[in-house]
Amino acid sequence: MRRLFALIFGFGLGLVVMFLAFNVHVVRADSDWHFVKKQKVQFADCYADIRKWDAQEWTRHPDLTKALVDSGKGDLVPQIEAQDLLLEVLDRWQNARRDGETRKQ
């Protein structure tokens, strides 16, 4: 009987964890842990440690960014300054130009 109870408990715990993974972002910030409802039911970005994220990393996670802003935790998302954006665009352009030159050789 104990084995049956343990099996049922394990299945139930697994169901709860999977439900949370598909519906909630768990975000670790400098200040605290934050739990944010996802905009779409998906497995992506179940857990995110945003303490050392730069602007480029934030652009890779638009759903997480939108969920944080919509839930009133937009202060966790850093504002990208125009100068940082310009430097990032120039850096990408320089890398693309360099890659194009190496392909021609």
N, C-alpha and C. Protein backbone atom coordinates (compact mmCIF):
# COMPACT_ATOMS: atom_id res chain seq x y z
N MET A 1 0.83 -1.20 0.00
CA MET A 1 0.00 0.00 0.00
C MET A 1 0.88 1.26 0.00
N ARG A 2 2.00 1.22 0.70
CA ARG A 2 2.88 2.38 0.75
C ARG A 2 3.45 2.69 -0.63
N ARG A 3 3.78 1.67 -1.38
CA ARG A 3 4.34 1.88 -2.71
C ARG A 3 3.31 2.52 -3.63
N LEU A 4 2.09 2.11 -3.53
CA LEU A 4 1.03 2.69 -4.34
C LEU A 4 0.83 4.16 -3.98
N PHE A 5 0.83 4.47 -2.69
CA PHE A 5 0.69 5.85 -2.25
C PHE A 5 1.88 6.69 -2.73
N ALA A 6 3.10 6.15 -2.63
CA ALA A 6 4.28 6.87 -3.09
C ALA A 6 4.22 7.12 -4.60
N LEU A 7 3.74 6.14 -5.36
CA LEU A 7 3.61 6.29 -6.80
C LEU A 7 2.60 7.38 -7.15
N ILE A 8 1.45 7.34 -6.50
CA ILE A 8 0.42 8.35 -6.76
C ILE A 8 0.90 9.74 -6.33
N PHE A 9 1.57 9.82 -5.20
CA PHE A 9 2.12 11.09 -4.74
C PHE A 9 3.15 11.63 -5.74
N GLY A 10 4.01 10.76 -6.25
CA GLY A 10 5.02 11.16 -7.23
C GLY A 10 4.40 11.69 -8.52
N PHE A 11 3.37 10.99 -9.01
CA PHE A 11 2.67 11.47 -10.21
C PHE A 11 2.01 12.83 -9.95
N GLY A 12 1.38 12.97 -8.81
CA GLY A 12 0.73 14.24 -8.48
C GLY A 12 1.72 15.39 -8.37
N LEU A 13 2.84 15.15 -7.73
CA LEU A 13 3.87 16.17 -7.60
C LEU A 13 4.43 16.55 -8.97
N GLY A 14 4.64 15.55 -9.81
CA GLY A 14 5.12 15.82 -11.17
C GLY A 14 4.13 16.65 -11.98
N LEU A 15 2.85 16.37 -11.83
CA LEU A 15 1.83 17.14 -12.53
C LEU A 15 1.82 18.60 -12.08
N VAL A 16 1.94 18.82 -10.79
CA VAL A 16 1.95 20.19 -10.26
C VAL A 16 3.17 20.94 -10.77
N VAL A 17 4.33 20.30 -10.73
CA VAL A 17 5.56 20.95 -11.19
C VAL A 17 5.47 21.28 -12.69
N MET A 18 4.97 20.36 -13.50
CA MET A 18 4.84 20.63 -14.94
C MET A 18 3.82 21.73 -15.21
N PHE A 19 2.72 21.75 -14.45
CA PHE A 19 1.74 22.81 -14.61
C PHE A 19 2.38 24.17 -14.32
N LEU A 20 3.14 24.26 -13.24
CA LEU A 20 3.80 25.52 -12.90
C LEU A 20 4.86 25.89 -13.93
N ALA A 21 5.60 24.91 -14.45
CA ALA A 21 6.63 25.19 -15.45
C ALA A 21 6.03 25.76 -16.73
N PHE A 22 4.84 25.35 -17.09
CA PHE A 22 4.20 25.84 -18.31
C PHE A 22 3.45 27.15 -18.09
N ASN A 23 3.17 27.54 -16.86
CA ASN A 23 2.33 28.71 -16.62
C ASN A 23 2.97 29.84 -15.81
N VAL A 24 4.15 29.63 -15.25
CA VAL A 24 4.74 30.63 -14.36
C VAL A 24 6.22 30.81 -14.69
N HIS A 25 6.66 32.08 -14.75
CA HIS A 25 8.09 32.39 -14.83
C HIS A 25 8.61 32.51 -13.39
N VAL A 26 9.69 31.83 -13.07
CA VAL A 26 10.36 32.01 -11.78
C VAL A 26 11.59 32.85 -12.07
N VAL A 27 11.63 34.06 -11.52
CA VAL A 27 12.68 35.01 -11.84
C VAL A 27 13.49 35.31 -10.59
N ARG A 28 14.81 35.15 -10.70
CA ARG A 28 15.73 35.47 -9.60
C ARG A 28 16.36 36.82 -9.91
N ALA A 29 16.06 37.80 -9.10
CA ALA A 29 16.60 39.15 -9.27
C ALA A 29 17.52 39.47 -8.09
N ASP A 30 18.16 40.63 -8.15
CA ASP A 30 19.04 41.05 -7.04
C ASP A 30 18.28 41.18 -5.74
N SER A 31 17.07 41.66 -5.83
CA SER A 31 16.30 41.94 -4.61
C SER A 31 15.62 40.71 -4.03
N ASP A 32 15.06 39.86 -4.89
CA ASP A 32 14.23 38.78 -4.37
C ASP A 32 13.87 37.81 -5.50
N TRP A 33 13.10 36.79 -5.17
CA TRP A 33 12.53 35.87 -6.14
C TRP A 33 11.17 36.42 -6.56
N HIS A 34 10.84 36.29 -7.83
CA HIS A 34 9.56 36.78 -8.34
C HIS A 34 8.89 35.67 -9.14
N PHE A 35 7.59 35.54 -8.97
CA PHE A 35 6.79 34.57 -9.71
C PHE A 35 5.81 35.35 -10.57
N VAL A 36 5.91 35.17 -11.89
CA VAL A 36 5.13 35.96 -12.84
C VAL A 36 4.37 35.01 -13.76
N LYS A 37 3.10 35.29 -13.97
CA LYS A 37 2.27 34.47 -14.86
C LYS A 37 2.73 34.68 -16.30
N LYS A 38 2.88 33.57 -17.03
CA LYS A 38 3.30 33.64 -18.43
C LYS A 38 2.16 34.16 -19.30
N GLN A 39 2.51 34.81 -20.40
CA GLN A 39 1.53 35.32 -21.35
C GLN A 39 0.97 34.20 -22.22
N LYS A 40 1.86 33.25 -22.58
CA LYS A 40 1.47 32.09 -23.39
C LYS A 40 1.86 30.84 -22.63
N VAL A 41 1.09 29.79 -22.79
CA VAL A 41 1.42 28.51 -22.16
C VAL A 41 2.55 27.88 -22.98
N GLN A 42 3.74 27.85 -22.40
CA GLN A 42 4.92 27.28 -23.06
C GLN A 42 5.95 26.91 -22.01
N PHE A 43 6.91 26.09 -22.41
CA PHE A 43 7.92 25.62 -21.47
C PHE A 43 9.11 26.56 -21.37
N ALA A 44 9.25 27.50 -22.29
CA ALA A 44 10.40 28.40 -22.34
C ALA A 44 10.42 29.33 -21.13
N ASP A 45 11.62 29.66 -20.68
CA ASP A 45 11.85 30.62 -19.59
C ASP A 45 11.11 30.26 -18.30
N CYS A 46 11.18 29.01 -17.92
CA CYS A 46 10.58 28.59 -16.65
C CYS A 46 11.31 29.25 -15.49
N TYR A 47 12.64 29.28 -15.60
CA TYR A 47 13.47 29.90 -14.57
C TYR A 47 14.45 30.83 -15.25
N ALA A 48 14.60 32.02 -14.71
CA ALA A 48 15.54 32.98 -15.27
C ALA A 48 16.25 33.71 -14.14
N ASP A 49 17.57 33.69 -14.17
CA ASP A 49 18.39 34.44 -13.22
C ASP A 49 18.84 35.71 -13.93
N ILE A 50 18.17 36.81 -13.67
CA ILE A 50 18.39 38.05 -14.43
C ILE A 50 19.41 38.97 -13.78
N ARG A 51 20.11 38.51 -12.79
CA ARG A 51 21.03 39.38 -12.07
C ARG A 51 22.17 39.91 -12.93
N LYS A 52 22.64 39.16 -13.90
CA LYS A 52 23.78 39.60 -14.72
C LYS A 52 23.42 39.72 -16.20
N TRP A 53 22.16 39.91 -16.51
CA TRP A 53 21.75 40.01 -17.91
C TRP A 53 22.10 41.37 -18.47
N ASP A 54 22.57 41.40 -19.72
CA ASP A 54 22.80 42.65 -20.42
C ASP A 54 21.65 42.91 -21.40
N ALA A 55 21.73 43.97 -22.15
CA ALA A 55 20.65 44.34 -23.06
C ALA A 55 20.44 43.28 -24.13
N GLN A 56 21.52 42.68 -24.58
CA GLN A 56 21.40 41.65 -25.61
C GLN A 56 20.64 40.43 -25.10
N GLU A 57 20.88 40.05 -23.85
CA GLU A 57 20.18 38.91 -23.27
C GLU A 57 18.69 39.20 -23.12
N TRP A 58 18.35 40.43 -22.77
CA TRP A 58 16.94 40.80 -22.63
C TRP A 58 16.22 40.71 -23.97
N THR A 59 16.92 41.03 -25.07
CA THR A 59 16.27 40.96 -26.38
C THR A 59 16.01 39.51 -26.79
N ARG A 60 16.71 38.56 -26.21
CA ARG A 60 16.47 37.14 -26.51
C ARG A 60 15.26 36.57 -25.78
N HIS A 61 14.72 37.30 -24.82
CA HIS A 61 13.60 36.82 -24.00
C HIS A 61 12.45 37.83 -24.00
N PRO A 62 11.82 38.06 -25.15
CA PRO A 62 10.76 39.08 -25.20
C PRO A 62 9.51 38.69 -24.41
N ASP A 63 9.20 37.40 -24.35
CA ASP A 63 8.00 36.98 -23.59
C ASP A 63 8.18 37.23 -22.10
N LEU A 64 9.36 36.97 -21.59
CA LEU A 64 9.63 37.24 -20.18
C LEU A 64 9.58 38.73 -19.89
N THR A 65 10.15 39.52 -20.78
CA THR A 65 10.13 40.98 -20.61
C THR A 65 8.69 41.50 -20.58
N LYS A 66 7.87 41.04 -21.52
CA LYS A 66 6.47 41.48 -21.57
C LYS A 66 5.71 41.03 -20.33
N ALA A 67 5.95 39.81 -19.87
CA ALA A 67 5.26 39.31 -18.68
C ALA A 67 5.63 40.13 -17.44
N LEU A 68 6.90 40.49 -17.32
CA LEU A 68 7.32 41.30 -16.18
C LEU A 68 6.69 42.68 -16.21
N VAL A 69 6.68 43.30 -17.37
CA VAL A 69 6.09 44.64 -17.49
C VAL A 69 4.59 44.60 -17.23
N ASP A 70 3.91 43.61 -17.81
CA ASP A 70 2.45 43.51 -17.64
C ASP A 70 2.04 43.20 -16.21
N SER A 71 2.91 42.52 -15.46
CA SER A 71 2.57 42.19 -14.08
C SER A 71 2.96 43.29 -13.09
N GLY A 72 3.46 44.41 -13.60
CA GLY A 72 3.81 45.53 -12.72
C GLY A 72 5.21 45.43 -12.15
N LYS A 73 6.04 44.56 -12.70
CA LYS A 73 7.42 44.42 -12.22
C LYS A 73 8.39 44.90 -13.29
N GLY A 74 7.99 45.93 -14.01
CA GLY A 74 8.82 46.48 -15.08
C GLY A 74 10.10 47.10 -14.60
N ASP A 75 10.18 47.41 -13.30
CA ASP A 75 11.43 47.98 -12.78
C ASP A 75 12.57 46.96 -12.79
N LEU A 76 12.26 45.68 -12.96
CA LEU A 76 13.31 44.66 -13.06
C LEU A 76 13.96 44.65 -14.44
N VAL A 77 13.25 45.20 -15.43
CA VAL A 77 13.77 45.24 -16.80
C VAL A 77 14.52 46.55 -16.98
N PRO A 78 15.82 46.49 -17.27
CA PRO A 78 16.57 47.75 -17.43
C PRO A 78 16.17 48.47 -18.71
N GLN A 79 16.19 49.78 -18.66
CA GLN A 79 15.88 50.57 -19.84
C GLN A 79 17.14 50.70 -20.69
N ILE A 80 17.03 50.33 -21.96
CA ILE A 80 18.17 50.41 -22.86
C ILE A 80 18.30 51.85 -23.32
N GLU A 81 19.46 52.42 -23.05
CA GLU A 81 19.69 53.80 -23.46
C GLU A 81 20.03 53.83 -24.95
N ALA A 82 19.80 54.96 -25.57
CA ALA A 82 20.03 55.09 -27.01
C ALA A 82 21.49 54.84 -27.36
N GLN A 83 22.40 55.28 -26.50
CA GLN A 83 23.82 55.09 -26.78
C GLN A 83 24.18 53.61 -26.75
N ASP A 84 23.66 52.87 -25.79
CA ASP A 84 23.92 51.44 -25.72
C ASP A 84 23.35 50.73 -26.95
N LEU A 85 22.17 51.14 -27.37
CA LEU A 85 21.55 50.54 -28.54
C LEU A 85 22.38 50.82 -29.80
N LEU A 86 22.87 52.04 -29.94
CA LEU A 86 23.69 52.40 -31.09
C LEU A 86 24.98 51.60 -31.11
N LEU A 87 25.63 51.47 -29.95
CA LEU A 87 26.86 50.69 -29.87
C LEU A 87 26.62 49.23 -30.21
N GLU A 88 25.50 48.68 -29.77
CA GLU A 88 25.17 47.29 -30.07
C GLU A 88 24.93 47.10 -31.56
N VAL A 89 24.22 48.03 -32.21
CA VAL A 89 23.97 47.93 -33.64
C VAL A 89 25.28 48.04 -34.41
N LEU A 90 26.14 48.97 -34.03
CA LEU A 90 27.43 49.12 -34.71
C LEU A 90 28.30 47.88 -34.53
N ASP A 91 28.27 47.29 -33.34
CA ASP A 91 29.04 46.08 -33.10
C ASP A 91 28.55 44.93 -33.96
N ARG A 92 27.24 44.78 -34.06
CA ARG A 92 26.68 43.72 -34.92
C ARG A 92 27.03 43.95 -36.39
N TRP A 93 26.96 45.20 -36.82
CA TRP A 93 27.29 45.53 -38.20
C TRP A 93 28.75 45.23 -38.48
N GLN A 94 29.62 45.58 -37.55
CA GLN A 94 31.06 45.32 -37.70
C GLN A 94 31.31 43.82 -37.77
N ASN A 95 30.66 43.03 -36.92
CA ASN A 95 30.82 41.57 -36.95
C ASN A 95 30.31 40.98 -38.25
N ALA A 96 29.19 41.49 -38.75
CA ALA A 96 28.65 40.99 -40.02
C ALA A 96 29.57 41.32 -41.17
N ARG A 97 30.15 42.51 -41.15
CA ARG A 97 31.09 42.91 -42.21
C ARG A 97 32.33 42.04 -42.17
N ARG A 98 32.82 41.79 -40.97
CA ARG A 98 34.01 40.94 -40.79
C ARG A 98 33.73 39.51 -41.26
N ASP A 99 32.56 39.00 -40.93
CA ASP A 99 32.19 37.65 -41.37
C ASP A 99 32.05 37.58 -42.88
N GLY A 100 31.52 38.62 -43.49
CA GLY A 100 31.38 38.67 -44.94
C GLY A 100 32.72 38.70 -45.64
N GLU A 101 33.69 39.42 -45.06
CA GLU A 101 35.03 39.46 -45.65
C GLU A 101 35.73 38.13 -45.56
N THR A 102 35.55 37.41 -44.47
CA THR A 102 36.20 36.11 -44.34
C THR A 102 35.57 35.08 -45.26
N ARG A 103 34.30 35.21 -45.57
CA ARG A 103 33.64 34.27 -46.49
C ARG A 103 34.14 34.47 -47.92
N LYS A 104 34.46 35.73 -48.29
CA LYS A 104 34.93 36.01 -49.63
C LYS A 104 36.31 35.41 -49.88
N GLN A 105 37.09 35.29 -48.83
CA GLN A 105 38.46 34.77 -48.99
C GLN A 105 38.40 33.32 -49.14
